[in-house]
Amino acid sequence: MTAPRPDDVTAACQFALERNMGVRAGESVLVVTDATRIEIATAFQHAARALGADVSVVRIPVAERNG
């Protein structure tokens, strides 16, 4: 299996934001991530901005354990 291209990931994020979450221009979007998922967070950030949303990204420390 090959890794998805960055534009495919951003397109998938935009689809999720628009179709599943109903994000529209002028709304606020908060993306919370850690260092292990920064690429996905960046894709969500770009996708939300492309929809005209005001985006904030918060990076939290990687937890030592899940939960």
N, C-alpha and C. Protein backbone atom coordinates (compact mmCIF):
# COMPACT_ATOMS: atom_id res chain seq x y z
N MET A 1 0.85 -1.18 0.00
CA MET A 1 0.00 0.00 0.00
C MET A 1 0.89 1.24 0.00
N THR A 2 0.59 2.18 -0.87
CA THR A 2 1.38 3.41 -0.93
C THR A 2 0.74 4.49 -0.06
N ALA A 3 1.59 5.37 0.41
CA ALA A 3 1.10 6.48 1.24
C ALA A 3 0.32 7.45 0.37
N PRO A 4 -0.76 8.01 0.90
CA PRO A 4 -1.52 8.99 0.11
C PRO A 4 -0.70 10.24 -0.15
N ARG A 5 -0.92 10.85 -1.29
CA ARG A 5 -0.24 12.11 -1.62
C ARG A 5 -0.81 13.22 -0.73
N PRO A 6 0.01 14.25 -0.45
CA PRO A 6 -0.48 15.35 0.41
C PRO A 6 -1.77 15.99 -0.10
N ASP A 7 -1.93 16.14 -1.42
CA ASP A 7 -3.15 16.75 -1.92
C ASP A 7 -4.35 15.85 -1.72
N ASP A 8 -4.14 14.51 -1.73
CA ASP A 8 -5.23 13.58 -1.44
C ASP A 8 -5.68 13.69 0.01
N VAL A 9 -4.71 13.85 0.91
CA VAL A 9 -5.03 13.97 2.33
C VAL A 9 -5.79 15.27 2.58
N THR A 10 -5.35 16.36 1.99
CA THR A 10 -6.04 17.64 2.17
C THR A 10 -7.45 17.57 1.59
N ALA A 11 -7.61 16.93 0.45
CA ALA A 11 -8.94 16.77 -0.15
C ALA A 11 -9.85 15.95 0.75
N ALA A 12 -9.30 14.90 1.35
CA ALA A 12 -10.09 14.08 2.28
C ALA A 12 -10.49 14.88 3.51
N CYS A 13 -9.57 15.70 4.01
CA CYS A 13 -9.86 16.55 5.17
C CYS A 13 -10.94 17.57 4.81
N GLN A 14 -10.83 18.16 3.63
CA GLN A 14 -11.83 19.14 3.21
C GLN A 14 -13.20 18.48 3.08
N PHE A 15 -13.25 17.28 2.54
CA PHE A 15 -14.51 16.55 2.44
C PHE A 15 -15.11 16.32 3.82
N ALA A 16 -14.27 15.87 4.78
CA ALA A 16 -14.75 15.62 6.14
C ALA A 16 -15.25 16.90 6.80
N LEU A 17 -14.51 17.98 6.64
CA LEU A 17 -14.90 19.25 7.25
C LEU A 17 -16.21 19.77 6.66
N GLU A 18 -16.32 19.68 5.35
CA GLU A 18 -17.49 20.24 4.68
C GLU A 18 -18.71 19.34 4.79
N ARG A 19 -18.55 18.07 4.49
CA ARG A 19 -19.69 17.17 4.43
C ARG A 19 -20.08 16.57 5.77
N ASN A 20 -19.09 16.20 6.58
CA ASN A 20 -19.38 15.54 7.85
C ASN A 20 -19.55 16.51 9.01
N MET A 21 -18.78 17.60 8.98
CA MET A 21 -18.81 18.54 10.10
C MET A 21 -19.56 19.83 9.77
N GLY A 22 -19.87 20.03 8.52
CA GLY A 22 -20.66 21.20 8.12
C GLY A 22 -19.94 22.53 8.28
N VAL A 23 -18.62 22.54 8.17
CA VAL A 23 -17.86 23.78 8.33
C VAL A 23 -18.14 24.70 7.14
N ARG A 24 -18.38 25.97 7.45
CA ARG A 24 -18.65 26.97 6.41
C ARG A 24 -17.74 28.18 6.60
N ALA A 25 -17.67 28.99 5.58
CA ALA A 25 -16.86 30.20 5.61
C ALA A 25 -17.27 31.06 6.80
N GLY A 26 -16.28 31.62 7.48
CA GLY A 26 -16.54 32.50 8.61
C GLY A 26 -16.61 31.79 9.95
N GLU A 27 -16.69 30.47 9.93
CA GLU A 27 -16.74 29.73 11.19
C GLU A 27 -15.33 29.53 11.73
N SER A 28 -15.25 29.18 13.00
CA SER A 28 -13.97 28.91 13.66
C SER A 28 -13.75 27.40 13.75
N VAL A 29 -12.52 27.00 13.48
CA VAL A 29 -12.14 25.59 13.57
C VAL A 29 -10.90 25.49 14.46
N LEU A 30 -10.95 24.58 15.42
CA LEU A 30 -9.80 24.33 16.29
C LEU A 30 -9.28 22.94 15.98
N VAL A 31 -8.00 22.85 15.64
CA VAL A 31 -7.34 21.58 15.38
C VAL A 31 -6.39 21.32 16.54
N VAL A 32 -6.58 20.21 17.24
CA VAL A 32 -5.72 19.84 18.36
C VAL A 32 -4.89 18.64 17.92
N THR A 33 -3.57 18.74 18.10
CA THR A 33 -2.69 17.68 17.62
C THR A 33 -1.51 17.51 18.56
N ASP A 34 -0.75 16.45 18.30
CA ASP A 34 0.56 16.31 18.93
C ASP A 34 1.58 16.11 17.82
N ALA A 35 2.83 15.97 18.17
CA ALA A 35 3.89 15.89 17.17
C ALA A 35 3.76 14.67 16.26
N THR A 36 3.12 13.62 16.73
CA THR A 36 3.01 12.41 15.92
C THR A 36 1.99 12.53 14.80
N ARG A 37 1.11 13.51 14.87
CA ARG A 37 0.05 13.68 13.86
C ARG A 37 0.06 15.06 13.22
N ILE A 38 1.19 15.75 13.26
CA ILE A 38 1.26 17.12 12.78
C ILE A 38 0.93 17.23 11.29
N GLU A 39 1.30 16.22 10.49
CA GLU A 39 1.01 16.27 9.05
C GLU A 39 -0.50 16.26 8.80
N ILE A 40 -1.22 15.45 9.55
CA ILE A 40 -2.68 15.40 9.41
C ILE A 40 -3.29 16.71 9.88
N ALA A 41 -2.80 17.24 10.97
CA ALA A 41 -3.30 18.52 11.49
C ALA A 41 -3.09 19.63 10.47
N THR A 42 -1.94 19.63 9.83
CA THR A 42 -1.64 20.64 8.82
C THR A 42 -2.60 20.51 7.63
N ALA A 43 -2.90 19.29 7.24
CA ALA A 43 -3.85 19.07 6.15
C ALA A 43 -5.23 19.61 6.53
N PHE A 44 -5.67 19.35 7.77
CA PHE A 44 -6.96 19.90 8.23
C PHE A 44 -6.92 21.42 8.27
N GLN A 45 -5.80 21.98 8.68
CA GLN A 45 -5.65 23.43 8.73
C GLN A 45 -5.81 24.03 7.32
N HIS A 46 -5.11 23.48 6.35
CA HIS A 46 -5.19 23.99 4.98
C HIS A 46 -6.59 23.80 4.40
N ALA A 47 -7.19 22.66 4.67
CA ALA A 47 -8.53 22.39 4.15
C ALA A 47 -9.56 23.35 4.75
N ALA A 48 -9.47 23.60 6.04
CA ALA A 48 -10.42 24.51 6.69
C ALA A 48 -10.25 25.93 6.17
N ARG A 49 -9.02 26.34 5.97
CA ARG A 49 -8.78 27.68 5.40
C ARG A 49 -9.32 27.79 3.99
N ALA A 50 -9.19 26.71 3.21
CA ALA A 50 -9.72 26.70 1.85
C ALA A 50 -11.24 26.86 1.84
N LEU A 51 -11.89 26.43 2.91
CA LEU A 51 -13.34 26.61 3.04
C LEU A 51 -13.71 27.98 3.58
N GLY A 52 -12.71 28.78 3.95
CA GLY A 52 -12.97 30.12 4.45
C GLY A 52 -13.13 30.20 5.96
N ALA A 53 -12.74 29.15 6.66
CA ALA A 53 -12.86 29.14 8.12
C ALA A 53 -11.66 29.82 8.75
N ASP A 54 -11.85 30.31 9.97
CA ASP A 54 -10.78 30.86 10.79
C ASP A 54 -10.21 29.70 11.60
N VAL A 55 -8.95 29.35 11.39
CA VAL A 55 -8.39 28.13 11.95
C VAL A 55 -7.33 28.43 13.01
N SER A 56 -7.41 27.71 14.11
CA SER A 56 -6.38 27.73 15.14
C SER A 56 -5.88 26.30 15.32
N VAL A 57 -4.57 26.15 15.51
CA VAL A 57 -3.98 24.84 15.74
C VAL A 57 -3.29 24.87 17.10
N VAL A 58 -3.61 23.89 17.93
CA VAL A 58 -3.00 23.76 19.25
C VAL A 58 -2.23 22.45 19.27
N ARG A 59 -0.96 22.55 19.60
CA ARG A 59 -0.12 21.35 19.68
C ARG A 59 0.09 21.00 21.14
N ILE A 60 -0.28 19.79 21.49
CA ILE A 60 -0.15 19.32 22.88
C ILE A 60 1.03 18.34 22.96
N PRO A 61 1.57 18.14 24.14
CA PRO A 61 2.66 17.18 24.28
C PRO A 61 2.17 15.76 24.00
N VAL A 62 3.08 14.93 23.53
CA VAL A 62 2.75 13.52 23.31
C VAL A 62 2.62 12.86 24.67
N ALA A 63 1.49 12.18 24.88
CA ALA A 63 1.26 11.52 26.16
C ALA A 63 2.15 10.27 26.28
N GLU A 64 2.55 9.98 27.49
CA GLU A 64 3.36 8.78 27.72
C GLU A 64 2.54 7.51 27.59
N ARG A 65 1.23 7.63 27.79
CA ARG A 65 0.34 6.48 27.62
C ARG A 65 -1.01 6.98 27.13
N ASN A 66 -1.76 6.11 26.51
CA ASN A 66 -3.10 6.48 26.03
C ASN A 66 -4.06 6.60 27.19
N GLY A 67 -5.07 7.44 26.97
CA GLY A 67 -6.11 7.54 27.97
C GLY A 67 -6.18 8.83 28.52
